């Protein structure tokens, strides 16, 4: 297999996609598609985005992502000459083990940290860095909203669903946040008036966790 020609890919994207479309390449390899998209955006001021998928981890890290970084930020060529970047950028993500089984239930092997990152991202659209995942049910604040997750005995209650149901005693143990709160939990025993007074929006797991 050989790298796809950048000009050819750019022409295909130009003919088939609008200037604000999302372009998917399921066989990313050398990152030619990202290069072509960034180049087109530079030329016509478009806002095209891309998703690149590469199954080989070594290629994804050392070839695909490295090329995208270089063409976006700029680099020195073989002659030592400075090549200006095209602008834009990207986010590198790794696909982990499935969080849900065929019935839509959370797999027993899923850790608190893995579910926390998924919940935070689907709720806010922002990634939760690994360093911010602690043993606290409070995942963080995003745009004035506090995000909580009750799962897997995070409050040190190891009984079945222990601490995973929002009750008065569980609420009292949660880290304080002065603002709107979204709490993911297996169930809730608080009344509507109490939830409104505490500015709490409950999302029941696993049914209200976005899968995609």
C-alpha atoms as a PDB file:
ATOM      1  CA  UNK A   1       0.000   0.000   0.000  1.00  0.00           C
ATOM      2  CA  UNK A   2       1.170   3.521  -0.770  1.00  0.00           C
ATOM      3  CA  UNK A   3       0.130   6.898   0.681  1.00  0.00           C
ATOM      4  CA  UNK A   4      -2.830   8.528  -1.048  1.00  0.00           C
ATOM      5  CA  UNK A   5      -1.923  11.617  -3.149  1.00  0.00           C
ATOM      6  CA  UNK A   6      -2.830  14.763  -1.190  1.00  0.00           C
ATOM      7  CA  UNK A   7      -4.056  16.664  -4.257  1.00  0.00           C
ATOM      8  CA  UNK A   8      -6.311  13.787  -5.314  1.00  0.00           C
ATOM      9  CA  UNK A   9      -7.882  13.501  -1.853  1.00  0.00           C
ATOM     10  CA  UNK A  10      -8.332  17.274  -1.699  1.00  0.00           C
ATOM     11  CA  UNK A  11     -10.115  17.228  -5.055  1.00  0.00           C
ATOM     12  CA  UNK A  12     -12.423  14.414  -3.928  1.00  0.00           C
ATOM     13  CA  UNK A  13     -13.289  16.293  -0.718  1.00  0.00           C
ATOM     14  CA  UNK A  14     -13.833  19.482  -2.694  1.00  0.00           C
ATOM     15  CA  UNK A  15     -16.281  17.744  -5.020  1.00  0.00           C
ATOM     16  CA  UNK A  16     -18.213  15.764  -2.432  1.00  0.00           C
ATOM     17  CA  UNK A  17     -18.219  17.804   0.782  1.00  0.00           C
ATOM     18  CA  UNK A  18     -19.336  21.288   1.747  1.00  0.00           C
ATOM     19  CA  UNK A  19     -16.998  23.731   3.451  1.00  0.00           C
ATOM     20  CA  UNK A  20     -18.413  22.902   6.917  1.00  0.00           C
ATOM     21  CA  UNK A  21     -18.682  19.120   6.570  1.00  0.00           C
ATOM     22  CA  UNK A  22     -17.061  16.391   8.658  1.00  0.00           C
ATOM     23  CA  UNK A  23     -14.787  14.077   6.649  1.00  0.00           C
ATOM     24  CA  UNK A  24     -14.222  10.491   7.838  1.00  0.00           C
ATOM     25  CA  UNK A  25     -11.233   8.376   6.815  1.00  0.00           C
ATOM     26  CA  UNK A  26     -11.493   4.859   8.263  1.00  0.00           C
ATOM     27  CA  UNK A  27      -8.042   3.870   6.967  1.00  0.00           C
ATOM     28  CA  UNK A  28      -5.967   6.869   7.991  1.00  0.00           C
ATOM     29  CA  UNK A  29      -2.457   5.498   7.519  1.00  0.00           C
ATOM     30  CA  UNK A  30      -0.159   8.425   6.746  1.00  0.00           C
ATOM     31  CA  UNK A  31      -2.787  11.102   7.473  1.00  0.00           C
ATOM     32  CA  UNK A  32      -3.219  12.319   3.901  1.00  0.00           C
ATOM     33  CA  UNK A  33      -6.919  13.073   4.362  1.00  0.00           C
ATOM     34  CA  UNK A  34      -6.258  15.417   7.294  1.00  0.00           C
ATOM     35  CA  UNK A  35      -3.536  17.139   5.287  1.00  0.00           C
ATOM     36  CA  UNK A  36      -5.926  17.618   2.370  1.00  0.00           C
ATOM     37  CA  UNK A  37      -8.723  18.964   4.583  1.00  0.00           C
ATOM     38  CA  UNK A  38      -6.455  21.456   6.367  1.00  0.00           C
ATOM     39  CA  UNK A  39      -5.073  22.574   3.022  1.00  0.00           C
ATOM     40  CA  UNK A  40      -8.561  23.173   1.612  1.00  0.00           C
ATOM     41  CA  UNK A  41      -9.580  25.129   4.706  1.00  0.00           C
ATOM     42  CA  UNK A  42      -6.486  27.269   4.316  1.00  0.00           C
ATOM     43  CA  UNK A  43      -7.292  27.946   0.668  1.00  0.00           C
ATOM     44  CA  UNK A  44     -10.982  28.819   0.894  1.00  0.00           C
ATOM     45  CA  UNK A  45     -11.521  29.686   4.547  1.00  0.00           C
ATOM     46  CA  UNK A  46     -13.678  26.606   5.107  1.00  0.00           C
ATOM     47  CA  UNK A  47     -14.348  24.957   8.440  1.00  0.00           C
ATOM     48  CA  UNK A  48     -14.150  21.304   7.446  1.00  0.00           C
ATOM     49  CA  UNK A  49     -13.332  18.834  10.191  1.00  0.00           C
ATOM     50  CA  UNK A  50     -12.009  15.309  10.012  1.00  0.00           C
ATOM     51  CA  UNK A  51     -12.002  12.011  11.871  1.00  0.00           C
ATOM     52  CA  UNK A  52      -9.142   9.646  11.150  1.00  0.00           C
ATOM     53  CA  UNK A  53      -9.230   6.001  12.243  1.00  0.00           C
ATOM     54  CA  UNK A  54      -6.077   3.886  12.394  1.00  0.00           C
ATOM     55  CA  UNK A  55      -6.046   0.417  13.996  1.00  0.00           C
ATOM     56  CA  UNK A  56      -2.263   0.045  14.291  1.00  0.00           C
ATOM     57  CA  UNK A  57      -1.272   1.958  17.428  1.00  0.00           C
ATOM     58  CA  UNK A  58       2.344   2.489  16.370  1.00  0.00           C
ATOM     59  CA  UNK A  59       1.281   3.959  13.027  1.00  0.00           C
ATOM     60  CA  UNK A  60      -1.413   6.102  14.651  1.00  0.00           C
ATOM     61  CA  UNK A  61       1.044   7.625  17.132  1.00  0.00           C
ATOM     62  CA  UNK A  62       4.234   7.854  15.099  1.00  0.00           C
ATOM     63  CA  UNK A  63       2.960   8.418  11.571  1.00  0.00           C
ATOM     64  CA  UNK A  64      -0.649   9.594  11.362  1.00  0.00           C
ATOM     65  CA  UNK A  65      -0.781  12.009  14.285  1.00  0.00           C
ATOM     66  CA  UNK A  66       2.776  13.221  13.702  1.00  0.00           C
ATOM     67  CA  UNK A  67       2.024  14.207  10.107  1.00  0.00           C
ATOM     68  CA  UNK A  68      -1.161  16.032  11.099  1.00  0.00           C
ATOM     69  CA  UNK A  69       0.707  17.895  13.826  1.00  0.00           C
ATOM     70  CA  UNK A  70       3.493  18.917  11.450  1.00  0.00           C
ATOM     71  CA  UNK A  71       1.249  20.174   8.648  1.00  0.00           C
ATOM     72  CA  UNK A  72      -0.930  22.061  11.140  1.00  0.00           C
ATOM     73  CA  UNK A  73       1.871  23.659  13.169  1.00  0.00           C
ATOM     74  CA  UNK A  74       4.683  23.835  10.605  1.00  0.00           C
ATOM     75  CA  UNK A  75       8.030  22.028  10.382  1.00  0.00           C
ATOM     76  CA  UNK A  76      11.518  22.103   8.872  1.00  0.00           C
ATOM     77  CA  UNK A  77      11.944  20.094   5.667  1.00  0.00           C
ATOM     78  CA  UNK A  78      14.912  17.907   4.696  1.00  0.00           C
ATOM     79  CA  UNK A  79      16.819  21.017   3.572  1.00  0.00           C
ATOM     80  CA  UNK A  80      16.286  22.691   6.915  1.00  0.00           C
ATOM     81  CA  UNK A  81      13.850  25.164   5.408  1.00  0.00           C
ATOM     82  CA  UNK A  82      10.891  26.341   7.467  1.00  0.00           C
ATOM     83  CA  UNK A  83       7.519  25.150   6.130  1.00  0.00           C
ATOM     84  CA  UNK A  84       4.646  27.195   7.509  1.00  0.00           C
ATOM     85  CA  UNK A  85       1.781  25.334   9.117  1.00  0.00           C
ATOM     86  CA  UNK A  86      -1.695  25.272   7.617  1.00  0.00           C
ATOM     87  CA  UNK A  87      -3.394  26.048  10.918  1.00  0.00           C
ATOM     88  CA  UNK A  88      -6.061  24.061  12.666  1.00  0.00           C
ATOM     89  CA  UNK A  89      -5.378  21.152  14.959  1.00  0.00           C
ATOM     90  CA  UNK A  90      -6.667  17.809  16.189  1.00  0.00           C
ATOM     91  CA  UNK A  91      -7.356  15.717  19.273  1.00  0.00           C
ATOM     92  CA  UNK A  92      -5.765  12.274  19.618  1.00  0.00           C
ATOM     93  CA  UNK A  93      -8.055   9.652  21.182  1.00  0.00           C
ATOM     94  CA  UNK A  94      -7.654   5.946  21.878  1.00  0.00           C
ATOM     95  CA  UNK A  95     -10.561   3.527  21.665  1.00  0.00           C
ATOM     96  CA  UNK A  96     -10.916   1.527  24.876  1.00  0.00           C
ATOM     97  CA  UNK A  97     -12.943  -1.542  25.748  1.00  0.00           C
ATOM     98  CA  UNK A  98     -16.737  -1.291  25.228  1.00  0.00           C
ATOM     99  CA  UNK A  99     -18.510   0.232  28.232  1.00  0.00           C
ATOM    100  CA  UNK A 100     -21.890  -1.353  27.490  1.00  0.00           C
ATOM    101  CA  UNK A 101     -23.011  -4.884  26.715  1.00  0.00           C
ATOM    102  CA  UNK A 102     -25.494  -5.955  24.037  1.00  0.00           C
ATOM    103  CA  UNK A 103     -28.416  -5.125  26.340  1.00  0.00           C
ATOM    104  CA  UNK A 104     -27.181  -1.609  26.941  1.00  0.00           C
ATOM    105  CA  UNK A 105     -26.064  -2.290  30.514  1.00  0.00           C
ATOM    106  CA  UNK A 106     -22.725  -1.164  31.896  1.00  0.00           C
ATOM    107  CA  UNK A 107     -20.232  -4.041  31.822  1.00  0.00           C
ATOM    108  CA  UNK A 108     -19.154  -5.306  35.227  1.00  0.00           C
ATOM    109  CA  UNK A 109     -15.498  -4.823  34.298  1.00  0.00           C
ATOM    110  CA  UNK A 110     -15.870  -1.089  33.612  1.00  0.00           C
ATOM    111  CA  UNK A 111     -13.901   1.025  36.068  1.00  0.00           C
ATOM    112  CA  UNK A 112     -15.079   4.248  37.638  1.00  0.00           C
ATOM    113  CA  UNK A 113     -12.369   6.175  35.784  1.00  0.00           C
ATOM    114  CA  UNK A 114     -13.407   4.854  32.350  1.00  0.00           C
ATOM    115  CA  UNK A 115     -17.091   5.593  32.906  1.00  0.00           C
ATOM    116  CA  UNK A 116     -16.272   8.989  34.400  1.00  0.00           C
ATOM    117  CA  UNK A 117     -14.391  10.075  31.290  1.00  0.00           C
ATOM    118  CA  UNK A 118     -17.223   8.891  29.052  1.00  0.00           C
ATOM    119  CA  UNK A 119     -19.931  10.575  31.143  1.00  0.00           C
ATOM    120  CA  UNK A 120     -18.046  13.859  31.325  1.00  0.00           C
ATOM    121  CA  UNK A 121     -17.347  13.958  27.595  1.00  0.00           C
ATOM    122  CA  UNK A 122     -20.885  13.105  26.492  1.00  0.00           C
ATOM    123  CA  UNK A 123     -22.356  15.586  28.981  1.00  0.00           C
ATOM    124  CA  UNK A 124     -20.034  18.507  28.225  1.00  0.00           C
ATOM    125  CA  UNK A 125     -18.421  17.806  24.850  1.00  0.00           C
ATOM    126  CA  UNK A 126     -15.043  18.288  26.552  1.00  0.00           C
ATOM    127  CA  UNK A 127     -12.501  15.571  27.420  1.00  0.00           C
ATOM    128  CA  UNK A 128     -11.761  14.774  31.041  1.00  0.00           C
ATOM    129  CA  UNK A 129      -7.967  14.440  31.353  1.00  0.00           C
ATOM    130  CA  UNK A 130      -6.729  11.295  33.075  1.00  0.00           C
ATOM    131  CA  UNK A 131      -5.091  13.420  35.764  1.00  0.00           C
ATOM    132  CA  UNK A 132      -8.455  14.864  36.792  1.00  0.00           C
ATOM    133  CA  UNK A 133     -10.063  11.468  37.437  1.00  0.00           C
ATOM    134  CA  UNK A 134      -9.849  10.941  41.197  1.00  0.00           C
ATOM    135  CA  UNK A 135     -11.799   8.834  43.689  1.00  0.00           C
ATOM    136  CA  UNK A 136     -14.313  11.647  44.050  1.00  0.00           C
ATOM    137  CA  UNK A 137     -17.853  11.511  42.622  1.00  0.00           C
ATOM    138  CA  UNK A 138     -17.381  15.154  41.558  1.00  0.00           C
ATOM    139  CA  UNK A 139     -15.890  14.986  38.069  1.00  0.00           C
ATOM    140  CA  UNK A 140     -15.526  18.712  37.588  1.00  0.00           C
ATOM    141  CA  UNK A 141     -17.234  21.895  36.452  1.00  0.00           C
ATOM    142  CA  UNK A 142     -17.934  22.867  32.857  1.00  0.00           C
ATOM    143  CA  UNK A 143     -19.612  26.134  31.842  1.00  0.00           C
ATOM    144  CA  UNK A 144     -20.996  26.667  35.319  1.00  0.00           C
ATOM    145  CA  UNK A 145     -22.405  23.155  35.758  1.00  0.00           C
ATOM    146  CA  UNK A 146     -21.012  20.602  38.221  1.00  0.00           C
ATOM    147  CA  UNK A 147     -20.861  17.009  36.943  1.00  0.00           C
ATOM    148  CA  UNK A 148     -21.147  14.079  39.380  1.00  0.00           C
ATOM    149  CA  UNK A 149     -21.061  10.308  38.970  1.00  0.00           C
ATOM    150  CA  UNK A 150     -22.197   7.761  41.553  1.00  0.00           C
ATOM    151  CA  UNK A 151     -20.808   4.422  40.419  1.00  0.00           C
ATOM    152  CA  UNK A 152     -18.786   1.428  41.525  1.00  0.00           C
ATOM    153  CA  UNK A 153     -18.689   2.260  45.240  1.00  0.00           C
ATOM    154  CA  UNK A 154     -17.012   5.639  44.740  1.00  0.00           C
ATOM    155  CA  UNK A 155     -18.344   6.656  48.184  1.00  0.00           C
ATOM    156  CA  UNK A 156     -16.709   3.557  49.751  1.00  0.00           C
ATOM    157  CA  UNK A 157     -20.000   1.664  50.047  1.00  0.00           C
ATOM    158  CA  UNK A 158     -19.285  -1.711  48.460  1.00  0.00           C
ATOM    159  CA  UNK A 159     -22.806  -3.149  48.681  1.00  0.00           C
ATOM    160  CA  UNK A 160     -24.798  -3.744  45.483  1.00  0.00           C
ATOM    161  CA  UNK A 161     -25.724  -0.243  44.299  1.00  0.00           C
ATOM    162  CA  UNK A 162     -24.275   1.053  47.566  1.00  0.00           C
ATOM    163  CA  UNK A 163     -23.834   4.787  47.256  1.00  0.00           C
ATOM    164  CA  UNK A 164     -25.005   4.652  43.654  1.00  0.00           C
ATOM    165  CA  UNK A 165     -28.543   5.789  44.541  1.00  0.00           C
ATOM    166  CA  UNK A 166     -29.018   9.466  45.344  1.00  0.00           C
ATOM    167  CA  UNK A 167     -30.499   9.747  48.831  1.00  0.00           C
ATOM    168  CA  UNK A 168     -30.382  12.453  51.508  1.00  0.00           C
ATOM    169  CA  UNK A 169     -27.399  10.793  53.192  1.00  0.00           C
ATOM    170  CA  UNK A 170     -25.553  10.356  49.897  1.00  0.00           C
ATOM    171  CA  UNK A 171     -26.242  13.970  48.919  1.00  0.00           C
ATOM    172  CA  UNK A 172     -24.766  15.128  52.222  1.00  0.00           C
ATOM    173  CA  UNK A 173     -21.520  13.276  51.418  1.00  0.00           C
ATOM    174  CA  UNK A 174     -21.072  14.789  47.960  1.00  0.00           C
ATOM    175  CA  UNK A 175     -18.468  17.517  47.465  1.00  0.00           C
ATOM    176  CA  UNK A 176     -20.201  20.888  47.510  1.00  0.00           C
ATOM    177  CA  UNK A 177     -20.777  22.870  44.335  1.00  0.00           C
ATOM    178  CA  UNK A 178     -22.619  26.196  44.312  1.00  0.00           C
ATOM    179  CA  UNK A 179     -24.491  26.015  41.042  1.00  0.00           C
ATOM    180  CA  UNK A 180     -26.438  23.773  38.694  1.00  0.00           C
ATOM    181  CA  UNK A 181     -25.524  20.121  39.188  1.00  0.00           C
ATOM    182  CA  UNK A 182     -25.935  17.054  36.966  1.00  0.00           C
ATOM    183  CA  UNK A 183     -25.734  13.793  38.909  1.00  0.00           C
ATOM    184  CA  UNK A 184     -25.472  10.426  37.166  1.00  0.00           C
ATOM    185  CA  UNK A 185     -26.724   7.669  39.465  1.00  0.00           C
ATOM    186  CA  UNK A 186     -28.517   4.309  39.477  1.00  0.00           C
ATOM    187  CA  UNK A 187     -31.608   5.829  41.071  1.00  0.00           C
ATOM    188  CA  UNK A 188     -32.911   8.770  43.084  1.00  0.00           C
ATOM    189  CA  UNK A 189     -35.010   8.851  46.271  1.00  0.00           C
ATOM    190  CA  UNK A 190     -35.144  12.641  46.541  1.00  0.00           C
ATOM    191  CA  UNK A 191     -38.387  14.462  45.796  1.00  0.00           C
ATOM    192  CA  UNK A 192     -38.888  16.958  42.991  1.00  0.00           C
ATOM    193  CA  UNK A 193     -38.932  19.935  45.376  1.00  0.00           C
ATOM    194  CA  UNK A 194     -35.619  18.944  46.964  1.00  0.00           C
ATOM    195  CA  UNK A 195     -34.001  18.459  43.583  1.00  0.00           C
ATOM    196  CA  UNK A 196     -35.174  21.885  42.439  1.00  0.00           C
ATOM    197  CA  UNK A 197     -34.014  23.507  45.658  1.00  0.00           C
ATOM    198  CA  UNK A 198     -30.573  21.917  45.304  1.00  0.00           C
ATOM    199  CA  UNK A 199     -30.465  22.695  41.559  1.00  0.00           C
ATOM    200  CA  UNK A 200     -29.942  19.050  40.683  1.00  0.00           C
ATOM    201  CA  UNK A 201     -30.650  17.350  37.370  1.00  0.00           C
ATOM    202  CA  UNK A 202     -30.610  13.566  37.738  1.00  0.00           C
ATOM    203  CA  UNK A 203     -29.560  11.280  34.889  1.00  0.00           C
ATOM    204  CA  UNK A 204     -30.192   7.601  35.587  1.00  0.00           C
ATOM    205  CA  UNK A 205     -27.473   5.123  34.692  1.00  0.00           C
ATOM    206  CA  UNK A 206     -27.170   3.346  32.403  1.00  0.00           C
ATOM    207  CA  UNK A 207     -30.289   4.499  30.533  1.00  0.00           C
ATOM    208  CA  UNK A 208     -29.468   8.204  30.321  1.00  0.00           C
ATOM    209  CA  UNK A 209     -25.795   7.837  29.499  1.00  0.00           C
ATOM    210  CA  UNK A 210     -25.229   8.690  25.880  1.00  0.00           C
ATOM    211  CA  UNK A 211     -23.733   5.758  24.039  1.00  0.00           C
ATOM    212  CA  UNK A 212     -22.522   7.813  21.082  1.00  0.00           C
END
